[in-house]
C-alpha atoms as a PDB file:
ATOM      1  CA  UNK A   1     -49.371 -17.624  -9.946  1.00  0.00           C
ATOM      2  CA  UNK A   2     -50.290 -14.799 -11.896  1.00  0.00           C
ATOM      3  CA  UNK A   3     -50.296 -11.125 -11.341  1.00  0.00           C
ATOM      4  CA  UNK A   4     -50.655  -9.767  -7.859  1.00  0.00           C
ATOM      5  CA  UNK A   5     -50.537 -13.180  -6.043  1.00  0.00           C
ATOM      6  CA  UNK A   6     -47.693 -14.255  -8.334  1.00  0.00           C
ATOM      7  CA  UNK A   7     -45.679 -11.209  -7.315  1.00  0.00           C
ATOM      8  CA  UNK A   8     -46.460 -11.696  -3.459  1.00  0.00           C
ATOM      9  CA  UNK A   9     -45.492 -15.130  -3.234  1.00  0.00           C
ATOM     10  CA  UNK A  10     -42.311 -13.994  -4.906  1.00  0.00           C
ATOM     11  CA  UNK A  11     -41.547 -11.797  -2.169  1.00  0.00           C
ATOM     12  CA  UNK A  12     -42.263 -14.055   0.764  1.00  0.00           C
ATOM     13  CA  UNK A  13     -39.886 -16.433  -0.990  1.00  0.00           C
ATOM     14  CA  UNK A  14     -37.205 -13.766  -1.394  1.00  0.00           C
ATOM     15  CA  UNK A  15     -38.153 -12.816   2.603  1.00  0.00           C
ATOM     16  CA  UNK A  16     -37.780 -16.816   3.113  1.00  0.00           C
ATOM     17  CA  UNK A  17     -34.503 -17.086   1.448  1.00  0.00           C
ATOM     18  CA  UNK A  18     -32.815 -13.930   2.587  1.00  0.00           C
ATOM     19  CA  UNK A  19     -33.773 -14.817   6.447  1.00  0.00           C
ATOM     20  CA  UNK A  20     -31.965 -18.557   5.994  1.00  0.00           C
ATOM     21  CA  UNK A  21     -28.367 -16.746   4.423  1.00  0.00           C
ATOM     22  CA  UNK A  22     -28.722 -14.296   7.804  1.00  0.00           C
ATOM     23  CA  UNK A  23     -29.336 -17.726  10.301  1.00  0.00           C
ATOM     24  CA  UNK A  24     -26.039 -19.053   8.464  1.00  0.00           C
ATOM     25  CA  UNK A  25     -24.036 -15.673   9.611  1.00  0.00           C
ATOM     26  CA  UNK A  26     -24.090 -14.053   5.865  1.00  0.00           C
ATOM     27  CA  UNK A  27     -25.158 -10.271   5.649  1.00  0.00           C
ATOM     28  CA  UNK A  28     -27.513  -9.364   3.282  1.00  0.00           C
ATOM     29  CA  UNK A  29     -25.903  -6.432   1.399  1.00  0.00           C
ATOM     30  CA  UNK A  30     -28.921  -5.441  -0.900  1.00  0.00           C
ATOM     31  CA  UNK A  31     -32.264  -6.602  -1.806  1.00  0.00           C
ATOM     32  CA  UNK A  32     -33.673  -6.258  -5.553  1.00  0.00           C
ATOM     33  CA  UNK A  33     -30.440  -4.791  -6.560  1.00  0.00           C
ATOM     34  CA  UNK A  34     -31.091  -2.892  -9.876  1.00  0.00           C
ATOM     35  CA  UNK A  35     -27.905  -2.546 -12.788  1.00  0.00           C
ATOM     36  CA  UNK A  36     -28.423  -1.075 -16.150  1.00  0.00           C
ATOM     37  CA  UNK A  37     -28.601  -4.561 -17.463  1.00  0.00           C
ATOM     38  CA  UNK A  38     -31.460  -6.171 -14.772  1.00  0.00           C
ATOM     39  CA  UNK A  39     -31.841  -7.063 -11.014  1.00  0.00           C
ATOM     40  CA  UNK A  40     -30.223  -9.296  -9.113  1.00  0.00           C
ATOM     41  CA  UNK A  41     -33.021 -10.613  -6.405  1.00  0.00           C
ATOM     42  CA  UNK A  42     -30.687 -10.977  -3.228  1.00  0.00           C
ATOM     43  CA  UNK A  43     -27.030  -9.820  -2.441  1.00  0.00           C
ATOM     44  CA  UNK A  44     -25.165 -11.563   0.431  1.00  0.00           C
ATOM     45  CA  UNK A  45     -21.858 -10.839   1.971  1.00  0.00           C
ATOM     46  CA  UNK A  46     -20.092 -13.943   3.226  1.00  0.00           C
ATOM     47  CA  UNK A  47     -16.974 -13.157   4.666  1.00  0.00           C
ATOM     48  CA  UNK A  48     -14.820 -11.274   1.848  1.00  0.00           C
ATOM     49  CA  UNK A  49     -17.541 -12.743  -0.946  1.00  0.00           C
ATOM     50  CA  UNK A  50     -20.541 -11.910  -2.501  1.00  0.00           C
ATOM     51  CA  UNK A  51     -22.820 -13.742  -3.692  1.00  0.00           C
ATOM     52  CA  UNK A  52     -25.441 -12.934  -5.915  1.00  0.00           C
ATOM     53  CA  UNK A  53     -29.024 -15.067  -5.668  1.00  0.00           C
ATOM     54  CA  UNK A  54     -31.640 -15.596  -7.976  1.00  0.00           C
ATOM     55  CA  UNK A  55     -34.939 -17.226  -6.209  1.00  0.00           C
ATOM     56  CA  UNK A  56     -37.260 -18.826  -8.056  1.00  0.00           C
ATOM     57  CA  UNK A  57     -40.901 -20.043  -7.053  1.00  0.00           C
ATOM     58  CA  UNK A  58     -42.568 -22.728  -8.198  1.00  0.00           C
ATOM     59  CA  UNK A  59     -44.723 -25.826  -6.791  1.00  0.00           C
ATOM     60  CA  UNK A  60     -41.756 -28.069  -7.256  1.00  0.00           C
ATOM     61  CA  UNK A  61     -38.087 -27.764  -7.124  1.00  0.00           C
ATOM     62  CA  UNK A  62     -37.731 -28.833 -10.914  1.00  0.00           C
ATOM     63  CA  UNK A  63     -40.141 -26.356 -11.601  1.00  0.00           C
ATOM     64  CA  UNK A  64     -38.607 -23.927 -10.248  1.00  0.00           C
ATOM     65  CA  UNK A  65     -35.075 -24.596 -11.562  1.00  0.00           C
ATOM     66  CA  UNK A  66     -36.732 -24.825 -15.084  1.00  0.00           C
ATOM     67  CA  UNK A  67     -37.550 -20.982 -14.723  1.00  0.00           C
ATOM     68  CA  UNK A  68     -34.251 -19.928 -15.126  1.00  0.00           C
ATOM     69  CA  UNK A  69     -32.947 -19.082 -18.451  1.00  0.00           C
ATOM     70  CA  UNK A  70     -29.493 -18.905 -19.978  1.00  0.00           C
ATOM     71  CA  UNK A  71     -30.331 -15.311 -20.791  1.00  0.00           C
ATOM     72  CA  UNK A  72     -31.115 -14.387 -17.304  1.00  0.00           C
ATOM     73  CA  UNK A  73     -27.861 -16.174 -16.164  1.00  0.00           C
ATOM     74  CA  UNK A  74     -26.316 -13.646 -18.765  1.00  0.00           C
ATOM     75  CA  UNK A  75     -27.995 -10.483 -17.568  1.00  0.00           C
ATOM     76  CA  UNK A  76     -27.384 -11.919 -14.107  1.00  0.00           C
ATOM     77  CA  UNK A  77     -23.674 -12.002 -14.935  1.00  0.00           C
ATOM     78  CA  UNK A  78     -23.556  -8.558 -16.506  1.00  0.00           C
ATOM     79  CA  UNK A  79     -25.368  -7.210 -13.351  1.00  0.00           C
ATOM     80  CA  UNK A  80     -23.390  -8.448 -10.768  1.00  0.00           C
ATOM     81  CA  UNK A  81     -20.343  -6.962 -12.561  1.00  0.00           C
ATOM     82  CA  UNK A  82     -21.593  -3.657 -12.090  1.00  0.00           C
ATOM     83  CA  UNK A  83     -22.151  -4.414  -8.248  1.00  0.00           C
ATOM     84  CA  UNK A  84     -19.050  -5.389  -8.031  1.00  0.00           C
ATOM     85  CA  UNK A  85     -16.892  -2.683  -9.870  1.00  0.00           C
ATOM     86  CA  UNK A  86     -18.214  -0.614  -6.767  1.00  0.00           C
ATOM     87  CA  UNK A  87     -17.018  -2.983  -4.075  1.00  0.00           C
ATOM     88  CA  UNK A  88     -12.899  -2.048  -3.239  1.00  0.00           C
ATOM     89  CA  UNK A  89     -11.282  -5.039  -4.964  1.00  0.00           C
ATOM     90  CA  UNK A  90     -13.481  -4.450  -7.645  1.00  0.00           C
ATOM     91  CA  UNK A  91     -13.586  -7.186 -10.411  1.00  0.00           C
ATOM     92  CA  UNK A  92     -11.020  -9.164  -8.164  1.00  0.00           C
ATOM     93  CA  UNK A  93     -13.571  -9.602  -5.617  1.00  0.00           C
ATOM     94  CA  UNK A  94     -14.285 -13.482  -5.271  1.00  0.00           C
ATOM     95  CA  UNK A  95     -18.295 -14.000  -6.058  1.00  0.00           C
ATOM     96  CA  UNK A  96     -20.734 -17.106  -6.291  1.00  0.00           C
ATOM     97  CA  UNK A  97     -23.948 -17.419  -7.941  1.00  0.00           C
ATOM     98  CA  UNK A  98     -26.333 -19.578  -6.510  1.00  0.00           C
ATOM     99  CA  UNK A  99     -30.070 -20.134  -7.076  1.00  0.00           C
ATOM    100  CA  UNK A 100     -32.450 -20.790  -4.461  1.00  0.00           C
ATOM    101  CA  UNK A 101     -35.476 -22.922  -5.287  1.00  0.00           C
ATOM    102  CA  UNK A 102     -38.326 -22.439  -3.352  1.00  0.00           C
ATOM    103  CA  UNK A 103     -41.303 -25.332  -3.629  1.00  0.00           C
ATOM    104  CA  UNK A 104     -45.096 -24.565  -2.841  1.00  0.00           C
ATOM    105  CA  UNK A 105     -44.576 -25.765   0.781  1.00  0.00           C
ATOM    106  CA  UNK A 106     -42.280 -23.075   1.423  1.00  0.00           C
ATOM    107  CA  UNK A 107     -39.077 -25.372   1.303  1.00  0.00           C
ATOM    108  CA  UNK A 108     -35.721 -24.063   0.100  1.00  0.00           C
ATOM    109  CA  UNK A 109     -32.856 -25.897  -1.702  1.00  0.00           C
ATOM    110  CA  UNK A 110     -30.250 -23.444  -2.240  1.00  0.00           C
ATOM    111  CA  UNK A 111     -27.980 -24.573  -4.963  1.00  0.00           C
ATOM    112  CA  UNK A 112     -24.487 -22.698  -4.597  1.00  0.00           C
ATOM    113  CA  UNK A 113     -22.226 -22.097  -7.337  1.00  0.00           C
ATOM    114  CA  UNK A 114     -24.927 -22.774  -9.813  1.00  0.00           C
ATOM    115  CA  UNK A 115     -23.566 -21.052 -12.830  1.00  0.00           C
ATOM    116  CA  UNK A 116     -20.385 -22.565 -12.476  1.00  0.00           C
ATOM    117  CA  UNK A 117     -21.137 -24.482 -15.476  1.00  0.00           C
ATOM    118  CA  UNK A 118     -22.451 -21.008 -17.065  1.00  0.00           C
END
């Protein structure tokens, strides 16, 4: 996927993932939230917790997972820190980093706490 087609496919994948979180009772706090360090695809409120979701789309789940680099994880973490600084509990806010993998058939595999080993 390149250019406009890839961009639109990415947006569609993000829509699918956001809908999935909403179906399980989470609220979407932000889409494509931009801080000084970068952008977070989806920010979800799960009770008192904040879940930062990076969406990766490719032909296969494995291909999608390979698209997430360590450098990108670092940027997401820095940007997440900016987001939670605005929360009532600030840096004490409970957070989780999920990666939502979307394959060519539109199937979704959410890897919860994907940055746990980071």
